[in-house]
Amino acid sequence: QVQLAESGGGLVQPGGSLRLSCAAAGAGMIFSSDVMGWYRQAPGKQRELVAFITGGGKANYADFVKGRFTISGDNAKNTVYLQMNSLKPEDTAVYYCNFLRDIDYWGKGTLVTVSS
């Protein structure tokens, strides 16, 4: 059983930065076929994909974060990071970590609020 623990959310002003972290406990060794990613859900909206990275290091981003967010992984620590720069009010959402290995595992989410 894989358990995901997110951290790093909070309140930031527009244009600011935050780094989210997600540690996957119980995952053991990370395989190249594993996928770790970040989704977000804003109030009244559906959950949407932000970015994901494979265990082999291939990353993919939603168009609305390209050039602003960077996803990275540390397989030795079973941890994935999301560096968020140039944050906008519309980035306000609960950010969820996801781990895909045969089935989806989800974290409980961390709130990111972008407001002046």
C-alpha atoms as a PDB file:
ATOM      1  CA  GLN A   1       0.000   0.000   0.000  1.00  0.00           C
ATOM      2  CA  VAL A   2       1.396   3.378  -1.041  1.00  0.00           C
ATOM      3  CA  GLN A   3       0.687   6.426   1.079  1.00  0.00           C
ATOM      4  CA  LEU A   4       1.325   9.920  -0.224  1.00  0.00           C
ATOM      5  CA  ALA A   5       2.082  12.921   1.949  1.00  0.00           C
ATOM      6  CA  GLU A   6       2.062  16.404   0.414  1.00  0.00           C
ATOM      7  CA  SER A   7       3.602  19.515   1.906  1.00  0.00           C
ATOM      8  CA  GLY A   8       4.496  23.047   0.895  1.00  0.00           C
ATOM      9  CA  GLY A   9       1.161  24.712   0.262  1.00  0.00           C
ATOM     10  CA  GLY A  10       0.222  28.093   1.642  1.00  0.00           C
ATOM     11  CA  LEU A  11      -0.616  31.688   0.877  1.00  0.00           C
ATOM     12  CA  VAL A  12       1.492  33.573  -1.635  1.00  0.00           C
ATOM     13  CA  GLN A  13       1.132  36.871  -3.471  1.00  0.00           C
ATOM     14  CA  PRO A  14       0.662  36.986  -7.246  1.00  0.00           C
ATOM     15  CA  GLY A  15       4.002  36.603  -8.960  1.00  0.00           C
ATOM     16  CA  GLY A  16       5.410  34.649  -6.046  1.00  0.00           C
ATOM     17  CA  SER A  17       6.721  31.097  -5.790  1.00  0.00           C
ATOM     18  CA  LEU A  18       6.028  27.939  -3.833  1.00  0.00           C
ATOM     19  CA  ARG A  19       7.481  24.441  -3.887  1.00  0.00           C
ATOM     20  CA  LEU A  20       5.282  21.457  -3.201  1.00  0.00           C
ATOM     21  CA  SER A  21       6.686  18.112  -2.104  1.00  0.00           C
ATOM     22  CA  CYS A  22       5.128  14.662  -2.102  1.00  0.00           C
ATOM     23  CA  ALA A  23       6.704  11.635  -0.469  1.00  0.00           C
ATOM     24  CA  ALA A  24       5.489   8.147  -1.421  1.00  0.00           C
ATOM     25  CA  ALA A  25       5.767   5.866   1.597  1.00  0.00           C
ATOM     26  CA  GLY A  26       5.564   2.146   0.943  1.00  0.00           C
ATOM     27  CA  ALA A  27       6.435   2.424  -2.749  1.00  0.00           C
ATOM     28  CA  GLY A  28       9.810   0.718  -2.410  1.00  0.00           C
ATOM     29  CA  MET A  29      12.024   1.120  -5.453  1.00  0.00           C
ATOM     30  CA  ILE A  30      10.690   3.499  -8.103  1.00  0.00           C
ATOM     31  CA  PHE A  31      10.399   1.863 -11.537  1.00  0.00           C
ATOM     32  CA  SER A  32      10.718   3.677 -14.844  1.00  0.00           C
ATOM     33  CA  SER A  33       7.079   2.815 -15.558  1.00  0.00           C
ATOM     34  CA  ASP A  34       5.843   4.491 -12.381  1.00  0.00           C
ATOM     35  CA  VAL A  35       4.264   7.896 -12.774  1.00  0.00           C
ATOM     36  CA  MET A  36       4.055  10.588 -10.135  1.00  0.00           C
ATOM     37  CA  GLY A  37       2.155  13.759 -10.734  1.00  0.00           C
ATOM     38  CA  TRP A  38       0.214  16.713  -9.460  1.00  0.00           C
ATOM     39  CA  TYR A  39      -3.434  17.522 -10.012  1.00  0.00           C
ATOM     40  CA  ARG A  40      -5.400  20.475  -8.742  1.00  0.00           C
ATOM     41  CA  GLN A  41      -8.991  21.279  -7.998  1.00  0.00           C
ATOM     42  CA  ALA A  42     -10.282  24.809  -7.661  1.00  0.00           C
ATOM     43  CA  PRO A  43     -13.602  25.562  -5.937  1.00  0.00           C
ATOM     44  CA  GLY A  44     -16.501  24.601  -8.166  1.00  0.00           C
ATOM     45  CA  LYS A  45     -14.249  23.057 -10.810  1.00  0.00           C
ATOM     46  CA  GLN A  46     -13.188  19.568 -11.762  1.00  0.00           C
ATOM     47  CA  ARG A  47      -9.836  18.144 -10.807  1.00  0.00           C
ATOM     48  CA  GLU A  48      -7.280  18.722 -13.553  1.00  0.00           C
ATOM     49  CA  LEU A  49      -3.810  17.472 -14.352  1.00  0.00           C
ATOM     50  CA  VAL A  50      -0.986  19.933 -13.702  1.00  0.00           C
ATOM     51  CA  ALA A  51       2.133  17.904 -14.445  1.00  0.00           C
ATOM     52  CA  PHE A  52       3.538  14.412 -14.194  1.00  0.00           C
ATOM     53  CA  ILE A  53       6.908  12.709 -14.341  1.00  0.00           C
ATOM     54  CA  THR A  54       7.800   9.098 -14.960  1.00  0.00           C
ATOM     55  CA  GLY A  55      10.274   7.117 -12.896  1.00  0.00           C
ATOM     56  CA  GLY A  56      12.519   7.384 -15.922  1.00  0.00           C
ATOM     57  CA  GLY A  57      12.463  11.167 -15.689  1.00  0.00           C
ATOM     58  CA  LYS A  58      10.139  12.143 -18.528  1.00  0.00           C
ATOM     59  CA  ALA A  59       7.988  15.132 -17.615  1.00  0.00           C
ATOM     60  CA  ASN A  60       4.804  16.495 -19.085  1.00  0.00           C
ATOM     61  CA  TYR A  61       2.896  19.681 -18.302  1.00  0.00           C
ATOM     62  CA  ALA A  62      -0.536  21.147 -18.784  1.00  0.00           C
ATOM     63  CA  ASP A  63      -0.434  24.090 -21.168  1.00  0.00           C
ATOM     64  CA  PHE A  64      -1.536  26.525 -18.473  1.00  0.00           C
ATOM     65  CA  VAL A  65       1.626  25.924 -16.386  1.00  0.00           C
ATOM     66  CA  LYS A  66       4.261  25.530 -19.088  1.00  0.00           C
ATOM     67  CA  GLY A  67       7.151  27.873 -18.476  1.00  0.00           C
ATOM     68  CA  ARG A  68       6.043  28.590 -14.897  1.00  0.00           C
ATOM     69  CA  PHE A  69       5.997  25.220 -13.099  1.00  0.00           C
ATOM     70  CA  THR A  70       8.685  22.555 -12.987  1.00  0.00           C
ATOM     71  CA  ILE A  71       8.194  18.993 -11.805  1.00  0.00           C
ATOM     72  CA  SER A  72      11.129  16.924 -10.622  1.00  0.00           C
ATOM     73  CA  GLY A  73      11.664  13.666  -8.826  1.00  0.00           C
ATOM     74  CA  ASP A  74      14.147  12.140  -6.435  1.00  0.00           C
ATOM     75  CA  ASN A  75      13.788   8.381  -6.819  1.00  0.00           C
ATOM     76  CA  ALA A  76      16.147   7.690  -3.935  1.00  0.00           C
ATOM     77  CA  LYS A  77      13.760   9.562  -1.642  1.00  0.00           C
ATOM     78  CA  ASN A  78      10.544   8.461  -3.400  1.00  0.00           C
ATOM     79  CA  THR A  79       9.671  12.125  -3.585  1.00  0.00           C
ATOM     80  CA  VAL A  80       8.320  14.380  -6.308  1.00  0.00           C
ATOM     81  CA  TYR A  81       8.473  18.157  -6.274  1.00  0.00           C
ATOM     82  CA  LEU A  82       6.520  20.878  -7.998  1.00  0.00           C
ATOM     83  CA  GLN A  83       8.290  24.222  -8.225  1.00  0.00           C
ATOM     84  CA  MET A  84       5.681  26.872  -8.962  1.00  0.00           C
ATOM     85  CA  ASN A  85       6.847  30.298 -10.116  1.00  0.00           C
ATOM     86  CA  SER A  86       4.994  33.369 -11.379  1.00  0.00           C
ATOM     87  CA  LEU A  87       1.899  32.265  -9.545  1.00  0.00           C
ATOM     88  CA  LYS A  88      -1.445  33.737 -10.548  1.00  0.00           C
ATOM     89  CA  PRO A  89      -4.714  34.033  -8.625  1.00  0.00           C
ATOM     90  CA  GLU A  90      -6.186  31.414 -10.952  1.00  0.00           C
ATOM     91  CA  ASP A  91      -3.619  28.913  -9.652  1.00  0.00           C
ATOM     92  CA  THR A  92      -5.494  28.911  -6.350  1.00  0.00           C
ATOM     93  CA  ALA A  93      -6.606  25.348  -5.702  1.00  0.00           C
ATOM     94  CA  VAL A  94      -6.081  22.254  -3.629  1.00  0.00           C
ATOM     95  CA  TYR A  95      -3.110  20.429  -5.153  1.00  0.00           C
ATOM     96  CA  TYR A  96      -3.154  16.640  -5.009  1.00  0.00           C
ATOM     97  CA  CYS A  97      -0.244  14.284  -5.430  1.00  0.00           C
ATOM     98  CA  ASN A  98      -0.841  11.179  -7.516  1.00  0.00           C
ATOM     99  CA  PHE A  99       1.169   7.967  -7.847  1.00  0.00           C
ATOM    100  CA  LEU A 100       0.318   5.526 -10.606  1.00  0.00           C
ATOM    101  CA  ARG A 101       1.526   1.924 -10.415  1.00  0.00           C
ATOM    102  CA  ASP A 102      -1.180  -0.418 -11.648  1.00  0.00           C
ATOM    103  CA  ILE A 103      -3.690   1.698  -9.743  1.00  0.00           C
ATOM    104  CA  ASP A 104      -3.936   5.336  -8.721  1.00  0.00           C
ATOM    105  CA  TYR A 105      -2.903   6.454  -5.274  1.00  0.00           C
ATOM    106  CA  TRP A 106      -3.847   9.915  -4.028  1.00  0.00           C
ATOM    107  CA  GLY A 107      -2.663  12.236  -1.341  1.00  0.00           C
ATOM    108  CA  LYS A 108      -5.039  14.267   0.807  1.00  0.00           C
ATOM    109  CA  GLY A 109      -4.113  17.522  -0.895  1.00  0.00           C
ATOM    110  CA  THR A 110      -2.473  20.782   0.067  1.00  0.00           C
ATOM    111  CA  LEU A 111      -4.080  24.193  -0.373  1.00  0.00           C
ATOM    112  CA  VAL A 112      -2.367  26.841  -2.467  1.00  0.00           C
ATOM    113  CA  THR A 113      -3.841  30.316  -2.272  1.00  0.00           C
ATOM    114  CA  VAL A 114      -2.564  33.068  -4.542  1.00  0.00           C
ATOM    115  CA  SER A 115      -3.862  36.409  -3.373  1.00  0.00           C
ATOM    116  CA  SER A 116      -2.724  39.896  -2.526  1.00  0.00           C
END
